[in-house]
Amino acid sequence: MTTDIDDEDTIRQVVDRLQEKLPDLPRDRIEQVARAEFEALSGRPVHDYLSILTERAAKKKLKQKSDALT
């Protein structure tokens, strides 16, 4: 079972990776979306894959919103 520190570390790592991939988006927006996706997935039986699933879901959502603005 993970702790809050592990969860925060996972979110930080996801945000760091997404910021590298999506440099035009503000970090606080990336963190907001990543945190929401993490929370949505955290109660499911996918805990071993939570980091990558959070990153993929947040990236998809951020790209959709970014595309809608252009």
PDB file of N, CA and C in Angstrom:
ATOM      1  N   MET A   1       0.844  -1.180   0.000  1.00  0.00           N
ATOM      2  CA  MET A   1       0.000   0.000   0.000  1.00  0.00           C
ATOM      3  C   MET A   1       0.887   1.240   0.000  1.00  0.00           C
ATOM      4  N   THR A   2       0.490   2.259  -0.739  1.00  0.00           N
ATOM      5  CA  THR A   2       1.303   3.460  -0.816  1.00  0.00           C
ATOM      6  C   THR A   2       0.928   4.431   0.287  1.00  0.00           C
ATOM      7  N   THR A   3       1.787   5.398   0.471  1.00  0.00           N
ATOM      8  CA  THR A   3       1.515   6.463   1.426  1.00  0.00           C
ATOM      9  C   THR A   3       1.261   7.740   0.673  1.00  0.00           C
ATOM     10  N   ASP A   4       0.829   8.769   1.418  1.00  0.00           N
ATOM     11  CA  ASP A   4       0.601  10.071   0.790  1.00  0.00           C
ATOM     12  C   ASP A   4       1.884  10.612   0.170  1.00  0.00           C
ATOM     13  N   ILE A   5       3.020  10.329   0.800  1.00  0.00           N
ATOM     14  CA  ILE A   5       4.300  10.790   0.255  1.00  0.00           C
ATOM     15  C   ILE A   5       4.567  10.110  -1.080  1.00  0.00           C
ATOM     16  N   ASP A   6       4.301   8.820  -1.170  1.00  0.00           N
ATOM     17  CA  ASP A   6       4.478   8.108  -2.434  1.00  0.00           C
ATOM     18  C   ASP A   6       3.555   8.668  -3.507  1.00  0.00           C
ATOM     19  N   ASP A   7       2.318   8.973  -3.122  1.00  0.00           N
ATOM     20  CA  ASP A   7       1.363   9.533  -4.070  1.00  0.00           C
ATOM     21  C   ASP A   7       1.832  10.902  -4.566  1.00  0.00           C
ATOM     22  N   GLU A   8       2.280  11.735  -3.662  1.00  0.00           N
ATOM     23  CA  GLU A   8       2.770  13.067  -4.041  1.00  0.00           C
ATOM     24  C   GLU A   8       3.985  12.957  -4.957  1.00  0.00           C
ATOM     25  N   ASP A   9       4.856  12.001  -4.671  1.00  0.00           N
ATOM     26  CA  ASP A   9       6.034  11.790  -5.501  1.00  0.00           C
ATOM     27  C   ASP A   9       5.624  11.334  -6.899  1.00  0.00           C
ATOM     28  N   THR A  10       4.641  10.454  -6.970  1.00  0.00           N
ATOM     29  CA  THR A  10       4.136   9.983  -8.262  1.00  0.00           C
ATOM     30  C   THR A  10       3.561  11.148  -9.056  1.00  0.00           C
ATOM     31  N   ILE A  11       2.752  11.970  -8.417  1.00  0.00           N
ATOM     32  CA  ILE A  11       2.162  13.124  -9.101  1.00  0.00           C
ATOM     33  C   ILE A  11       3.249  14.073  -9.582  1.00  0.00           C
ATOM     34  N   ARG A  12       4.240  14.337  -8.738  1.00  0.00           N
ATOM     35  CA  ARG A  12       5.334  15.238  -9.118  1.00  0.00           C
ATOM     36  C   ARG A  12       6.090  14.702 -10.326  1.00  0.00           C
ATOM     37  N   GLN A  13       6.355  13.405 -10.349  1.00  0.00           N
ATOM     38  CA  GLN A  13       7.065  12.804 -11.471  1.00  0.00           C
ATOM     39  C   GLN A  13       6.244  12.898 -12.759  1.00  0.00           C
ATOM     40  N   VAL A  14       4.953  12.663 -12.645  1.00  0.00           N
ATOM     41  CA  VAL A  14       4.071  12.777 -13.814  1.00  0.00           C
ATOM     42  C   VAL A  14       4.077  14.211 -14.328  1.00  0.00           C
ATOM     43  N   VAL A  15       3.946  15.168 -13.427  1.00  0.00           N
ATOM     44  CA  VAL A  15       3.942  16.582 -13.821  1.00  0.00           C
ATOM     45  C   VAL A  15       5.264  16.950 -14.480  1.00  0.00           C
ATOM     46  N   ASP A  16       6.364  16.499 -13.926  1.00  0.00           N
ATOM     47  CA  ASP A  16       7.679  16.780 -14.515  1.00  0.00           C
ATOM     48  C   ASP A  16       7.775  16.253 -15.943  1.00  0.00           C
ATOM     49  N   ARG A  17       7.334  15.018 -16.142  1.00  0.00           N
ATOM     50  CA  ARG A  17       7.396  14.429 -17.489  1.00  0.00           C
ATOM     51  C   ARG A  17       6.467  15.145 -18.461  1.00  0.00           C
ATOM     52  N   LEU A  18       5.264  15.475 -18.000  1.00  0.00           N
ATOM     53  CA  LEU A  18       4.321  16.170 -18.882  1.00  0.00           C
ATOM     54  C   LEU A  18       4.792  17.584 -19.211  1.00  0.00           C
ATOM     55  N   GLN A  19       5.434  18.227 -18.277  1.00  0.00           N
ATOM     56  CA  GLN A  19       5.933  19.577 -18.543  1.00  0.00           C
ATOM     57  C   GLN A  19       7.011  19.551 -19.628  1.00  0.00           C
ATOM     58  N   GLU A  20       7.805  18.503 -19.653  1.00  0.00           N
ATOM     59  CA  GLU A  20       8.799  18.351 -20.715  1.00  0.00           C
ATOM     60  C   GLU A  20       8.131  18.129 -22.066  1.00  0.00           C
ATOM     61  N   LYS A  21       7.025  17.376 -22.063  1.00  0.00           N
ATOM     62  CA  LYS A  21       6.329  17.058 -23.307  1.00  0.00           C
ATOM     63  C   LYS A  21       5.410  18.180 -23.771  1.00  0.00           C
ATOM     64  N   LEU A  22       4.933  18.984 -22.831  1.00  0.00           N
ATOM     65  CA  LEU A  22       3.975  20.052 -23.138  1.00  0.00           C
ATOM     66  C   LEU A  22       4.475  21.381 -22.542  1.00  0.00           C
ATOM     67  N   PRO A  23       5.604  21.881 -23.043  1.00  0.00           N
ATOM     68  CA  PRO A  23       6.237  23.051 -22.426  1.00  0.00           C
ATOM     69  C   PRO A  23       5.432  24.349 -22.526  1.00  0.00           C
ATOM     70  N   ASP A  24       4.459  24.413 -23.414  1.00  0.00           N
ATOM     71  CA  ASP A  24       3.675  25.633 -23.568  1.00  0.00           C
ATOM     72  C   ASP A  24       2.566  25.773 -22.527  1.00  0.00           C
ATOM     73  N   LEU A  25       2.299  24.708 -21.789  1.00  0.00           N
ATOM     74  CA  LEU A  25       1.242  24.747 -20.780  1.00  0.00           C
ATOM     75  C   LEU A  25       1.820  25.106 -19.416  1.00  0.00           C
ATOM     76  N   PRO A  26       1.080  25.885 -18.642  1.00  0.00           N
ATOM     77  CA  PRO A  26       1.567  26.245 -17.301  1.00  0.00           C
ATOM     78  C   PRO A  26       1.638  25.031 -16.384  1.00  0.00           C
ATOM     79  N   ARG A  27       2.670  24.995 -15.567  1.00  0.00           N
ATOM     80  CA  ARG A  27       2.883  23.857 -14.670  1.00  0.00           C
ATOM     81  C   ARG A  27       1.694  23.651 -13.728  1.00  0.00           C
ATOM     82  N   ASP A  28       1.114  24.734 -13.232  1.00  0.00           N
ATOM     83  CA  ASP A  28       0.003  24.570 -12.307  1.00  0.00           C
ATOM     84  C   ASP A  28      -1.212  23.928 -12.984  1.00  0.00           C
ATOM     85  N   ARG A  29      -1.417  24.193 -14.259  1.00  0.00           N
ATOM     86  CA  ARG A  29      -2.512  23.554 -15.002  1.00  0.00           C
ATOM     87  C   ARG A  29      -2.233  22.059 -15.190  1.00  0.00           C
ATOM     88  N   ILE A  30      -0.985  21.743 -15.536  1.00  0.00           N
ATOM     89  CA  ILE A  30      -0.592  20.346 -15.693  1.00  0.00           C
ATOM     90  C   ILE A  30      -0.785  19.601 -14.373  1.00  0.00           C
ATOM     91  N   GLU A  31      -0.369  20.222 -13.281  1.00  0.00           N
ATOM     92  CA  GLU A  31      -0.508  19.577 -11.977  1.00  0.00           C
ATOM     93  C   GLU A  31      -1.979  19.383 -11.616  1.00  0.00           C
ATOM     94  N   GLN A  32      -2.811  20.357 -11.903  1.00  0.00           N
ATOM     95  CA  GLN A  32      -4.240  20.256 -11.606  1.00  0.00           C
ATOM     96  C   GLN A  32      -4.865  19.062 -12.334  1.00  0.00           C
ATOM     97  N   VAL A  33      -4.571  18.932 -13.616  1.00  0.00           N
ATOM     98  CA  VAL A  33      -5.133  17.837 -14.402  1.00  0.00           C
ATOM     99  C   VAL A  33      -4.540  16.498 -13.959  1.00  0.00           C
ATOM    100  N   ALA A  34      -3.232  16.458 -13.747  1.00  0.00           N
ATOM    101  CA  ALA A  34      -2.582  15.212 -13.312  1.00  0.00           C
ATOM    102  C   ALA A  34      -3.135  14.755 -11.968  1.00  0.00           C
ATOM    103  N   ARG A  35      -3.334  15.682 -11.063  1.00  0.00           N
ATOM    104  CA  ARG A  35      -3.868  15.340  -9.736  1.00  0.00           C
ATOM    105  C   ARG A  35      -5.296  14.785  -9.862  1.00  0.00           C
ATOM    106  N   ALA A  36      -6.103  15.403 -10.713  1.00  0.00           N
ATOM    107  CA  ALA A  36      -7.479  14.930 -10.913  1.00  0.00           C
ATOM    108  C   ALA A  36      -7.494  13.528 -11.516  1.00  0.00           C
ATOM    109  N   GLU A  37      -6.629  13.297 -12.496  1.00  0.00           N
ATOM    110  CA  GLU A  37      -6.566  11.966 -13.113  1.00  0.00           C
ATOM    111  C   GLU A  37      -6.054  10.926 -12.122  1.00  0.00           C
ATOM    112  N   PHE A  38      -5.079  11.303 -11.317  1.00  0.00           N
ATOM    113  CA  PHE A  38      -4.548  10.394 -10.298  1.00  0.00           C
ATOM    114  C   PHE A  38      -5.649   9.998  -9.324  1.00  0.00           C
ATOM    115  N   GLU A  39      -6.408  10.985  -8.856  1.00  0.00           N
ATOM    116  CA  GLU A  39      -7.498  10.707  -7.916  1.00  0.00           C
ATOM    117  C   GLU A  39      -8.552   9.805  -8.544  1.00  0.00           C
ATOM    118  N   ALA A  40      -8.846  10.024  -9.826  1.00  0.00           N
ATOM    119  CA  ALA A  40      -9.844   9.206 -10.506  1.00  0.00           C
ATOM    120  C   ALA A  40      -9.403   7.753 -10.627  1.00  0.00           C
ATOM    121  N   LEU A  41      -8.104   7.529 -10.744  1.00  0.00           N
ATOM    122  CA  LEU A  41      -7.582   6.177 -10.919  1.00  0.00           C
ATOM    123  C   LEU A  41      -7.173   5.502  -9.611  1.00  0.00           C
ATOM    124  N   SER A  42      -6.939   6.266  -8.574  1.00  0.00           N
ATOM    125  CA  SER A  42      -6.314   5.717  -7.370  1.00  0.00           C
ATOM    126  C   SER A  42      -7.148   4.686  -6.631  1.00  0.00           C
ATOM    127  N   GLY A  43      -8.458   4.704  -6.786  1.00  0.00           N
ATOM    128  CA  GLY A  43      -9.284   3.731  -6.095  1.00  0.00           C
ATOM    129  C   GLY A  43      -9.476   2.437  -6.864  1.00  0.00           C
ATOM    130  N   ARG A  44      -8.902   2.362  -8.017  1.00  0.00           N
ATOM    131  CA  ARG A  44      -9.078   1.181  -8.874  1.00  0.00           C
ATOM    132  C   ARG A  44      -7.938   0.185  -8.655  1.00  0.00           C
ATOM    133  N   PRO A  45      -8.139  -1.056  -9.085  1.00  0.00           N
ATOM    134  CA  PRO A  45      -7.110  -2.083  -8.883  1.00  0.00           C
ATOM    135  C   PRO A  45      -5.974  -2.003  -9.909  1.00  0.00           C
ATOM    136  N   VAL A  46      -5.484  -0.812 -10.169  1.00  0.00           N
ATOM    137  CA  VAL A  46      -4.405  -0.620 -11.151  1.00  0.00           C
ATOM    138  C   VAL A  46      -3.218   0.084 -10.512  1.00  0.00           C
ATOM    139  N   HIS A  47      -3.102  -0.019  -9.206  1.00  0.00           N
ATOM    140  CA  HIS A  47      -2.130   0.783  -8.469  1.00  0.00           C
ATOM    141  C   HIS A  47      -0.693   0.634  -8.986  1.00  0.00           C
ATOM    142  N   ASP A  48      -0.334  -0.536  -9.469  1.00  0.00           N
ATOM    143  CA  ASP A  48       1.019  -0.732  -9.989  1.00  0.00           C
ATOM    144  C   ASP A  48       1.277   0.102 -11.235  1.00  0.00           C
ATOM    145  N   TYR A  49       0.235   0.481 -11.926  1.00  0.00           N
ATOM    146  CA  TYR A  49       0.368   1.232 -13.176  1.00  0.00           C
ATOM    147  C   TYR A  49      -0.140   2.662 -13.033  1.00  0.00           C
ATOM    148  N   LEU A  50      -0.338   3.128 -11.817  1.00  0.00           N
ATOM    149  CA  LEU A  50      -0.949   4.424 -11.575  1.00  0.00           C
ATOM    150  C   LEU A  50      -0.174   5.576 -12.203  1.00  0.00           C
ATOM    151  N   SER A  51       1.130   5.533 -12.143  1.00  0.00           N
ATOM    152  CA  SER A  51       1.943   6.615 -12.691  1.00  0.00           C
ATOM    153  C   SER A  51       1.742   6.764 -14.195  1.00  0.00           C
ATOM    154  N   ILE A  52       1.886   5.689 -14.934  1.00  0.00           N
ATOM    155  CA  ILE A  52       1.771   5.765 -16.392  1.00  0.00           C
ATOM    156  C   ILE A  52       0.337   6.041 -16.822  1.00  0.00           C
ATOM    157  N   LEU A  53      -0.640   5.457 -16.131  1.00  0.00           N
ATOM    158  CA  LEU A  53      -2.033   5.718 -16.476  1.00  0.00           C
ATOM    159  C   LEU A  53      -2.403   7.170 -16.205  1.00  0.00           C
ATOM    160  N   THR A  54      -1.910   7.716 -15.095  1.00  0.00           N
ATOM    161  CA  THR A  54      -2.156   9.120 -14.775  1.00  0.00           C
ATOM    162  C   THR A  54      -1.546  10.016 -15.841  1.00  0.00           C
ATOM    163  N   GLU A  55      -0.304   9.720 -16.219  1.00  0.00           N
ATOM    164  CA  GLU A  55       0.374  10.534 -17.230  1.00  0.00           C
ATOM    165  C   GLU A  55      -0.378  10.502 -18.563  1.00  0.00           C
ATOM    166  N   ARG A  56      -0.768   9.322 -18.993  1.00  0.00           N
ATOM    167  CA  ARG A  56      -1.479   9.201 -20.277  1.00  0.00           C
ATOM    168  C   ARG A  56      -2.819   9.934 -20.263  1.00  0.00           C
ATOM    169  N   ALA A  57      -3.576   9.760 -19.191  1.00  0.00           N
ATOM    170  CA  ALA A  57      -4.889  10.407 -19.111  1.00  0.00           C
ATOM    171  C   ALA A  57      -4.760  11.922 -19.038  1.00  0.00           C
ATOM    172  N   ALA A  58      -3.802  12.405 -18.255  1.00  0.00           N
ATOM    173  CA  ALA A  58      -3.599  13.851 -18.133  1.00  0.00           C
ATOM    174  C   ALA A  58      -3.110  14.436 -19.456  1.00  0.00           C
ATOM    175  N   LYS A  59      -2.196  13.753 -20.118  1.00  0.00           N
ATOM    176  CA  LYS A  59      -1.680  14.234 -21.403  1.00  0.00           C
ATOM    177  C   LYS A  59      -2.804  14.325 -22.434  1.00  0.00           C
ATOM    178  N   LYS A  60      -3.653  13.322 -22.471  1.00  0.00           N
ATOM    179  CA  LYS A  60      -4.770  13.318 -23.410  1.00  0.00           C
ATOM    180  C   LYS A  60      -5.706  14.497 -23.133  1.00  0.00           C
ATOM    181  N   LYS A  61      -6.038  14.703 -21.878  1.00  0.00           N
ATOM    182  CA  LYS A  61      -6.939  15.790 -21.513  1.00  0.00           C
ATOM    183  C   LYS A  61      -6.305  17.149 -21.808  1.00  0.00           C
ATOM    184  N   LEU A  62      -5.037  17.312 -21.494  1.00  0.00           N
ATOM    185  CA  LEU A  62      -4.351  18.580 -21.741  1.00  0.00           C
ATOM    186  C   LEU A  62      -4.251  18.877 -23.232  1.00  0.00           C
ATOM    187  N   LYS A  63      -3.982  17.867 -24.040  1.00  0.00           N
ATOM    188  CA  LYS A  63      -3.906  18.062 -25.489  1.00  0.00           C
ATOM    189  C   LYS A  63      -5.268  18.407 -26.071  1.00  0.00           C
ATOM    190  N   GLN A  64      -6.322  17.771 -25.574  1.00  0.00           N
ATOM    191  CA  GLN A  64      -7.668  18.077 -26.054  1.00  0.00           C
ATOM    192  C   GLN A  64      -8.022  19.522 -25.769  1.00  0.00           C
ATOM    193  N   LYS A  65      -7.722  19.995 -24.584  1.00  0.00           N
ATOM    194  CA  LYS A  65      -8.029  21.375 -24.212  1.00  0.00           C
ATOM    195  C   LYS A  65      -7.153  22.341 -24.995  1.00  0.00           C
ATOM    196  N   SER A  66      -5.909  21.964 -25.222  1.00  0.00           N
ATOM    197  CA  SER A  66      -5.001  22.805 -25.993  1.00  0.00           C
ATOM    198  C   SER A  66      -5.447  22.901 -27.435  1.00  0.00           C
ATOM    199  N   ASP A  67      -5.870  21.791 -28.015  1.00  0.00           N
ATOM    200  CA  ASP A  67      -6.368  21.774 -29.398  1.00  0.00           C
ATOM    201  C   ASP A  67      -7.639  22.589 -29.544  1.00  0.00           C
ATOM    202  N   ALA A  68      -8.468  22.599 -28.527  1.00  0.00           N
ATOM    203  CA  ALA A  68      -9.717  23.337 -28.581  1.00  0.00           C
ATOM    204  C   ALA A  68      -9.465  24.851 -28.597  1.00  0.00           C
ATOM    205  N   LEU A  69      -8.333  25.265 -28.049  1.00  0.00           N
ATOM    206  CA  LEU A  69      -8.009  26.690 -28.005  1.00  0.00           C
ATOM    207  C   LEU A  69      -7.441  27.191 -29.318  1.00  0.00           C
ATOM    208  N   THR A  70      -6.981  26.280 -30.171  1.00  0.00           N
ATOM    209  CA  THR A  70      -6.390  26.698 -31.455  1.00  0.00           C
ATOM    210  C   THR A  70      -7.347  26.566 -32.597  1.00  0.00           C
TER     211      THR A  70
END
